[in-house]
């Protein structure tokens, strides 16, 4: 509360930044908003190995709760060598993404995420092709190559420009929702959208139903 000329006014509530000391007896505890709620303290991650007849927790990691969920997976995979053929790792949607899928593939491992969080992208984005660093769009669903492309780091999006002739007769024009300018067509899309679209497609397969 704050004093205001003989009375009291309620102080406006503000979000606790993660570096604020929340508890003197536990100075490393942090604050964050997640899934619409407030969370104080720490976050843990468990890796469980599952076989045909039994399962066993093999790894446990414990961090401040500002630690990203998918960073746990990156840490685990970067510490491991290749897995045997046919191995896969099952996690929830917070662990999805093109970067994690590629990292899992590099370890001879298939990443299967069992639910989908956030807004669903159109599945046509699953066939958009990016450069290896995930910054630049090099081909769209209709196999058209942009004339020019820049990366917007603030929004983590690729901003591509196509010829009008490439887009005006495209069968995916309405779903793509690109912006027609006077001399060319502008399309913004992120590498994350491509990964999420691929995830949506995979979730409709028989293989996914068996894993999940």
C-alpha atoms as a PDB file:
ATOM      1  CA  UNK A   1       0.000   0.000   0.000  1.00  0.00           C
ATOM      2  CA  UNK A   2       1.092   3.581  -0.517  1.00  0.00           C
ATOM      3  CA  UNK A   3       0.198   6.707   1.536  1.00  0.00           C
ATOM      4  CA  UNK A   4      -1.684   9.444  -0.363  1.00  0.00           C
ATOM      5  CA  UNK A   5      -2.569  12.668   1.561  1.00  0.00           C
ATOM      6  CA  UNK A   6      -4.213  11.312   4.661  1.00  0.00           C
ATOM      7  CA  UNK A   7      -5.528   8.121   3.092  1.00  0.00           C
ATOM      8  CA  UNK A   8      -4.430   4.956   1.432  1.00  0.00           C
ATOM      9  CA  UNK A   9      -4.532   4.112  -2.249  1.00  0.00           C
ATOM     10  CA  UNK A  10      -4.124   0.620  -3.521  1.00  0.00           C
ATOM     11  CA  UNK A  11      -0.892   0.241  -5.400  1.00  0.00           C
ATOM     12  CA  UNK A  12      -1.296  -1.152  -8.882  1.00  0.00           C
ATOM     13  CA  UNK A  13      -0.192  -4.725  -9.181  1.00  0.00           C
ATOM     14  CA  UNK A  14       2.730  -5.375 -11.477  1.00  0.00           C
ATOM     15  CA  UNK A  15       4.262  -8.577 -12.747  1.00  0.00           C
ATOM     16  CA  UNK A  16       7.269  -9.717 -10.782  1.00  0.00           C
ATOM     17  CA  UNK A  17      10.291  -9.753 -13.096  1.00  0.00           C
ATOM     18  CA  UNK A  18      12.174 -13.008 -12.894  1.00  0.00           C
ATOM     19  CA  UNK A  19      15.222 -11.465 -11.229  1.00  0.00           C
ATOM     20  CA  UNK A  20      13.318 -10.063  -8.230  1.00  0.00           C
ATOM     21  CA  UNK A  21      14.149 -11.647  -4.888  1.00  0.00           C
ATOM     22  CA  UNK A  22      10.974 -13.524  -3.938  1.00  0.00           C
ATOM     23  CA  UNK A  23      12.080 -15.289  -0.802  1.00  0.00           C
ATOM     24  CA  UNK A  24      15.180 -14.302   1.249  1.00  0.00           C
ATOM     25  CA  UNK A  25      15.548 -17.892   2.426  1.00  0.00           C
ATOM     26  CA  UNK A  26      15.564 -19.158  -1.168  1.00  0.00           C
ATOM     27  CA  UNK A  27      17.266 -16.485  -3.313  1.00  0.00           C
ATOM     28  CA  UNK A  28      17.437 -18.625  -6.456  1.00  0.00           C
ATOM     29  CA  UNK A  29      13.660 -19.109  -6.695  1.00  0.00           C
ATOM     30  CA  UNK A  30      12.152 -17.331  -9.725  1.00  0.00           C
ATOM     31  CA  UNK A  31       8.759 -16.135 -10.939  1.00  0.00           C
ATOM     32  CA  UNK A  32       6.988 -16.638 -14.266  1.00  0.00           C
ATOM     33  CA  UNK A  33       3.601 -16.674 -15.901  1.00  0.00           C
ATOM     34  CA  UNK A  34       2.774 -19.943 -17.630  1.00  0.00           C
ATOM     35  CA  UNK A  35      -0.484 -21.351 -19.006  1.00  0.00           C
ATOM     36  CA  UNK A  36      -2.393 -18.414 -17.543  1.00  0.00           C
ATOM     37  CA  UNK A  37      -1.124 -18.951 -13.983  1.00  0.00           C
ATOM     38  CA  UNK A  38       1.603 -17.654 -11.704  1.00  0.00           C
ATOM     39  CA  UNK A  39       4.418 -19.965 -10.786  1.00  0.00           C
ATOM     40  CA  UNK A  40       7.094 -19.418  -8.152  1.00  0.00           C
ATOM     41  CA  UNK A  41      10.178 -21.467  -7.510  1.00  0.00           C
ATOM     42  CA  UNK A  42      11.612 -24.153  -9.745  1.00  0.00           C
ATOM     43  CA  UNK A  43      10.789 -26.577 -12.530  1.00  0.00           C
ATOM     44  CA  UNK A  44      11.815 -30.194 -12.983  1.00  0.00           C
ATOM     45  CA  UNK A  45      12.117 -32.489 -15.972  1.00  0.00           C
ATOM     46  CA  UNK A  46      12.034 -36.301 -15.888  1.00  0.00           C
ATOM     47  CA  UNK A  47      13.198 -38.739 -18.571  1.00  0.00           C
ATOM     48  CA  UNK A  48      11.698 -42.223 -18.311  1.00  0.00           C
ATOM     49  CA  UNK A  49      12.988 -45.167 -20.336  1.00  0.00           C
ATOM     50  CA  UNK A  50      10.147 -47.480 -21.379  1.00  0.00           C
ATOM     51  CA  UNK A  51      10.481 -51.065 -22.570  1.00  0.00           C
ATOM     52  CA  UNK A  52       7.969 -53.765 -23.447  1.00  0.00           C
ATOM     53  CA  UNK A  53       7.541 -54.912 -19.842  1.00  0.00           C
ATOM     54  CA  UNK A  54       8.808 -52.136 -17.581  1.00  0.00           C
ATOM     55  CA  UNK A  55       9.929 -48.522 -17.298  1.00  0.00           C
ATOM     56  CA  UNK A  56      12.582 -46.679 -15.294  1.00  0.00           C
ATOM     57  CA  UNK A  57      13.313 -43.008 -14.581  1.00  0.00           C
ATOM     58  CA  UNK A  58      16.859 -42.483 -15.846  1.00  0.00           C
ATOM     59  CA  UNK A  59      17.346 -38.693 -15.755  1.00  0.00           C
ATOM     60  CA  UNK A  60      16.039 -35.905 -13.553  1.00  0.00           C
ATOM     61  CA  UNK A  61      16.874 -32.230 -14.098  1.00  0.00           C
ATOM     62  CA  UNK A  62      16.006 -29.326 -11.800  1.00  0.00           C
ATOM     63  CA  UNK A  63      16.234 -25.644 -12.785  1.00  0.00           C
ATOM     64  CA  UNK A  64      14.822 -22.217 -12.013  1.00  0.00           C
ATOM     65  CA  UNK A  65      11.302 -22.037 -13.408  1.00  0.00           C
ATOM     66  CA  UNK A  66      12.308 -19.484 -16.031  1.00  0.00           C
ATOM     67  CA  UNK A  67      14.061 -22.372 -17.808  1.00  0.00           C
ATOM     68  CA  UNK A  68      12.343 -23.214 -21.113  1.00  0.00           C
ATOM     69  CA  UNK A  69      10.685 -26.630 -21.381  1.00  0.00           C
ATOM     70  CA  UNK A  70      12.251 -27.518 -24.698  1.00  0.00           C
ATOM     71  CA  UNK A  71      15.695 -26.528 -23.400  1.00  0.00           C
ATOM     72  CA  UNK A  72      15.536 -29.553 -21.098  1.00  0.00           C
ATOM     73  CA  UNK A  73      15.247 -31.759 -24.175  1.00  0.00           C
ATOM     74  CA  UNK A  74      18.148 -30.027 -25.901  1.00  0.00           C
ATOM     75  CA  UNK A  75      20.300 -30.492 -22.807  1.00  0.00           C
ATOM     76  CA  UNK A  76      19.451 -34.183 -22.586  1.00  0.00           C
ATOM     77  CA  UNK A  77      20.055 -34.941 -26.265  1.00  0.00           C
ATOM     78  CA  UNK A  78      23.287 -32.953 -26.404  1.00  0.00           C
ATOM     79  CA  UNK A  79      24.674 -35.104 -23.601  1.00  0.00           C
ATOM     80  CA  UNK A  80      23.691 -38.384 -25.253  1.00  0.00           C
ATOM     81  CA  UNK A  81      25.195 -40.374 -28.099  1.00  0.00           C
ATOM     82  CA  UNK A  82      23.182 -42.034 -30.844  1.00  0.00           C
ATOM     83  CA  UNK A  83      20.238 -44.208 -29.864  1.00  0.00           C
ATOM     84  CA  UNK A  84      19.472 -47.634 -31.311  1.00  0.00           C
ATOM     85  CA  UNK A  85      17.350 -47.886 -34.463  1.00  0.00           C
ATOM     86  CA  UNK A  86      13.638 -47.550 -33.834  1.00  0.00           C
ATOM     87  CA  UNK A  87      14.038 -45.489 -30.660  1.00  0.00           C
ATOM     88  CA  UNK A  88      11.707 -42.560 -30.095  1.00  0.00           C
ATOM     89  CA  UNK A  89      11.037 -39.968 -27.420  1.00  0.00           C
ATOM     90  CA  UNK A  90       7.503 -38.974 -26.416  1.00  0.00           C
ATOM     91  CA  UNK A  91       6.817 -35.540 -24.887  1.00  0.00           C
ATOM     92  CA  UNK A  92       4.038 -32.977 -24.706  1.00  0.00           C
ATOM     93  CA  UNK A  93       3.591 -30.081 -27.108  1.00  0.00           C
ATOM     94  CA  UNK A  94       5.906 -27.749 -25.177  1.00  0.00           C
ATOM     95  CA  UNK A  95       8.841 -29.821 -26.473  1.00  0.00           C
ATOM     96  CA  UNK A  96       7.874 -29.601 -30.140  1.00  0.00           C
ATOM     97  CA  UNK A  97       9.675 -27.587 -32.809  1.00  0.00           C
ATOM     98  CA  UNK A  98      11.808 -27.970 -35.897  1.00  0.00           C
ATOM     99  CA  UNK A  99      15.027 -27.443 -33.954  1.00  0.00           C
ATOM    100  CA  UNK A 100      14.232 -30.198 -31.453  1.00  0.00           C
ATOM    101  CA  UNK A 101      13.031 -32.560 -34.200  1.00  0.00           C
ATOM    102  CA  UNK A 102      16.265 -32.047 -36.109  1.00  0.00           C
ATOM    103  CA  UNK A 103      18.375 -32.521 -32.988  1.00  0.00           C
ATOM    104  CA  UNK A 104      16.537 -35.763 -32.197  1.00  0.00           C
ATOM    105  CA  UNK A 105      17.060 -36.970 -35.766  1.00  0.00           C
ATOM    106  CA  UNK A 106      20.797 -36.298 -35.473  1.00  0.00           C
ATOM    107  CA  UNK A 107      20.810 -38.761 -32.565  1.00  0.00           C
ATOM    108  CA  UNK A 108      18.946 -41.446 -34.546  1.00  0.00           C
ATOM    109  CA  UNK A 109      15.831 -40.656 -32.516  1.00  0.00           C
ATOM    110  CA  UNK A 110      12.279 -39.759 -33.475  1.00  0.00           C
ATOM    111  CA  UNK A 111      10.525 -37.000 -31.532  1.00  0.00           C
ATOM    112  CA  UNK A 112       6.795 -37.552 -30.929  1.00  0.00           C
ATOM    113  CA  UNK A 113       4.833 -34.775 -29.220  1.00  0.00           C
ATOM    114  CA  UNK A 114       1.453 -35.899 -27.960  1.00  0.00           C
ATOM    115  CA  UNK A 115      -0.624 -32.725 -27.826  1.00  0.00           C
ATOM    116  CA  UNK A 116      -0.865 -29.426 -29.651  1.00  0.00           C
ATOM    117  CA  UNK A 117      -0.687 -26.089 -27.866  1.00  0.00           C
ATOM    118  CA  UNK A 118      -1.523 -22.639 -29.197  1.00  0.00           C
ATOM    119  CA  UNK A 119      -3.030 -21.563 -32.487  1.00  0.00           C
ATOM    120  CA  UNK A 120      -3.085 -24.144 -35.262  1.00  0.00           C
ATOM    121  CA  UNK A 121      -1.413 -23.108 -38.534  1.00  0.00           C
ATOM    122  CA  UNK A 122      -2.757 -24.133 -41.923  1.00  0.00           C
ATOM    123  CA  UNK A 123      -1.261 -27.476 -42.929  1.00  0.00           C
ATOM    124  CA  UNK A 124       0.015 -26.056 -46.235  1.00  0.00           C
ATOM    125  CA  UNK A 125       2.920 -24.611 -44.243  1.00  0.00           C
ATOM    126  CA  UNK A 126       4.247 -28.124 -43.695  1.00  0.00           C
ATOM    127  CA  UNK A 127       5.499 -28.017 -47.293  1.00  0.00           C
ATOM    128  CA  UNK A 128       7.218 -24.640 -47.054  1.00  0.00           C
ATOM    129  CA  UNK A 129      11.012 -24.996 -47.268  1.00  0.00           C
ATOM    130  CA  UNK A 130      13.442 -22.931 -45.200  1.00  0.00           C
ATOM    131  CA  UNK A 131      17.196 -22.581 -45.075  1.00  0.00           C
ATOM    132  CA  UNK A 132      18.949 -24.787 -42.521  1.00  0.00           C
ATOM    133  CA  UNK A 133      19.124 -21.964 -39.981  1.00  0.00           C
ATOM    134  CA  UNK A 134      15.334 -21.516 -40.136  1.00  0.00           C
ATOM    135  CA  UNK A 135      15.532 -17.847 -41.124  1.00  0.00           C
ATOM    136  CA  UNK A 136      14.785 -17.659 -44.847  1.00  0.00           C
ATOM    137  CA  UNK A 137      11.939 -19.094 -46.886  1.00  0.00           C
ATOM    138  CA  UNK A 138      13.290 -20.608 -50.099  1.00  0.00           C
ATOM    139  CA  UNK A 139      10.214 -22.370 -51.519  1.00  0.00           C
ATOM    140  CA  UNK A 140       6.449 -22.294 -50.873  1.00  0.00           C
ATOM    141  CA  UNK A 141       3.799 -25.020 -51.029  1.00  0.00           C
ATOM    142  CA  UNK A 142       3.294 -24.330 -54.755  1.00  0.00           C
ATOM    143  CA  UNK A 143       7.034 -24.766 -55.461  1.00  0.00           C
ATOM    144  CA  UNK A 144       7.563 -21.070 -56.132  1.00  0.00           C
ATOM    145  CA  UNK A 145      10.849 -19.398 -55.167  1.00  0.00           C
ATOM    146  CA  UNK A 146      10.763 -15.848 -53.747  1.00  0.00           C
ATOM    147  CA  UNK A 147      12.523 -13.046 -55.587  1.00  0.00           C
ATOM    148  CA  UNK A 148      13.773 -11.613 -52.320  1.00  0.00           C
ATOM    149  CA  UNK A 149      13.705 -12.619 -48.665  1.00  0.00           C
ATOM    150  CA  UNK A 150      14.763 -10.970 -45.424  1.00  0.00           C
ATOM    151  CA  UNK A 151      14.686 -12.107 -41.802  1.00  0.00           C
ATOM    152  CA  UNK A 152      12.797 -10.186 -39.124  1.00  0.00           C
ATOM    153  CA  UNK A 153      14.593 -11.068 -35.850  1.00  0.00           C
ATOM    154  CA  UNK A 154      12.072  -9.204 -33.700  1.00  0.00           C
ATOM    155  CA  UNK A 155       9.215 -11.483 -34.778  1.00  0.00           C
ATOM    156  CA  UNK A 156      11.406 -14.460 -35.755  1.00  0.00           C
ATOM    157  CA  UNK A 157       9.806 -14.488 -39.198  1.00  0.00           C
ATOM    158  CA  UNK A 158      10.928 -14.770 -42.779  1.00  0.00           C
ATOM    159  CA  UNK A 159       9.596 -11.961 -44.985  1.00  0.00           C
ATOM    160  CA  UNK A 160       9.533 -13.175 -48.579  1.00  0.00           C
ATOM    161  CA  UNK A 161       8.546 -11.393 -51.793  1.00  0.00           C
ATOM    162  CA  UNK A 162       7.112 -13.276 -54.777  1.00  0.00           C
ATOM    163  CA  UNK A 163       6.194 -12.287 -58.297  1.00  0.00           C
ATOM    164  CA  UNK A 164       2.498 -11.501 -58.673  1.00  0.00           C
ATOM    165  CA  UNK A 165       2.315 -13.991 -61.553  1.00  0.00           C
ATOM    166  CA  UNK A 166       3.487 -16.733 -59.180  1.00  0.00           C
ATOM    167  CA  UNK A 167       0.720 -16.085 -56.666  1.00  0.00           C
ATOM    168  CA  UNK A 168      -2.385 -14.808 -58.462  1.00  0.00           C
ATOM    169  CA  UNK A 169      -3.236 -18.219 -59.929  1.00  0.00           C
ATOM    170  CA  UNK A 170      -1.984 -20.295 -56.992  1.00  0.00           C
ATOM    171  CA  UNK A 171      -4.450 -22.971 -55.791  1.00  0.00           C
ATOM    172  CA  UNK A 172      -3.416 -22.190 -52.187  1.00  0.00           C
ATOM    173  CA  UNK A 173      -3.829 -18.412 -52.423  1.00  0.00           C
ATOM    174  CA  UNK A 174      -6.783 -18.146 -50.038  1.00  0.00           C
ATOM    175  CA  UNK A 175      -5.192 -20.391 -47.440  1.00  0.00           C
ATOM    176  CA  UNK A 176      -1.773 -18.751 -47.721  1.00  0.00           C
ATOM    177  CA  UNK A 177      -3.213 -15.279 -47.055  1.00  0.00           C
ATOM    178  CA  UNK A 178      -0.215 -13.465 -48.489  1.00  0.00           C
ATOM    179  CA  UNK A 179      -0.389  -9.722 -49.079  1.00  0.00           C
ATOM    180  CA  UNK A 180      -0.655  -8.472 -52.664  1.00  0.00           C
ATOM    181  CA  UNK A 181       1.258  -5.218 -53.154  1.00  0.00           C
ATOM    182  CA  UNK A 182       1.450  -3.079 -56.307  1.00  0.00           C
ATOM    183  CA  UNK A 183       4.403  -4.865 -57.880  1.00  0.00           C
ATOM    184  CA  UNK A 184       4.857  -8.061 -55.886  1.00  0.00           C
ATOM    185  CA  UNK A 185       3.447 -10.287 -53.155  1.00  0.00           C
ATOM    186  CA  UNK A 186       4.621 -10.242 -49.542  1.00  0.00           C
ATOM    187  CA  UNK A 187       4.480 -13.346 -47.364  1.00  0.00           C
ATOM    188  CA  UNK A 188       5.539 -13.532 -43.708  1.00  0.00           C
ATOM    189  CA  UNK A 189       5.984 -16.950 -42.148  1.00  0.00           C
ATOM    190  CA  UNK A 190       8.063 -18.435 -39.357  1.00  0.00           C
ATOM    191  CA  UNK A 191      10.027 -21.666 -39.204  1.00  0.00           C
ATOM    192  CA  UNK A 192       8.018 -22.493 -36.091  1.00  0.00           C
ATOM    193  CA  UNK A 193       4.805 -22.440 -38.139  1.00  0.00           C
ATOM    194  CA  UNK A 194       6.312 -24.960 -40.534  1.00  0.00           C
ATOM    195  CA  UNK A 195       7.221 -27.275 -37.662  1.00  0.00           C
ATOM    196  CA  UNK A 196       3.788 -26.941 -36.087  1.00  0.00           C
ATOM    197  CA  UNK A 197       2.093 -27.703 -39.410  1.00  0.00           C
ATOM    198  CA  UNK A 198       4.216 -30.832 -39.785  1.00  0.00           C
ATOM    199  CA  UNK A 199       3.219 -31.822 -36.273  1.00  0.00           C
ATOM    200  CA  UNK A 200      -0.472 -31.465 -37.155  1.00  0.00           C
ATOM    201  CA  UNK A 201      -0.026 -33.715 -40.197  1.00  0.00           C
ATOM    202  CA  UNK A 202       1.860 -36.320 -38.193  1.00  0.00           C
ATOM    203  CA  UNK A 203      -0.810 -36.399 -35.494  1.00  0.00           C
ATOM    204  CA  UNK A 204      -3.250 -37.706 -38.102  1.00  0.00           C
ATOM    205  CA  UNK A 205      -1.138 -40.753 -38.959  1.00  0.00           C
ATOM    206  CA  UNK A 206      -1.472 -44.306 -37.711  1.00  0.00           C
ATOM    207  CA  UNK A 207       2.092 -44.245 -36.411  1.00  0.00           C
ATOM    208  CA  UNK A 208       1.292 -41.325 -34.118  1.00  0.00           C
ATOM    209  CA  UNK A 209      -1.757 -43.098 -32.664  1.00  0.00           C
ATOM    210  CA  UNK A 210       0.418 -46.103 -31.844  1.00  0.00           C
ATOM    211  CA  UNK A 211       3.088 -44.016 -30.096  1.00  0.00           C
ATOM    212  CA  UNK A 212       0.699 -41.793 -28.171  1.00  0.00           C
END
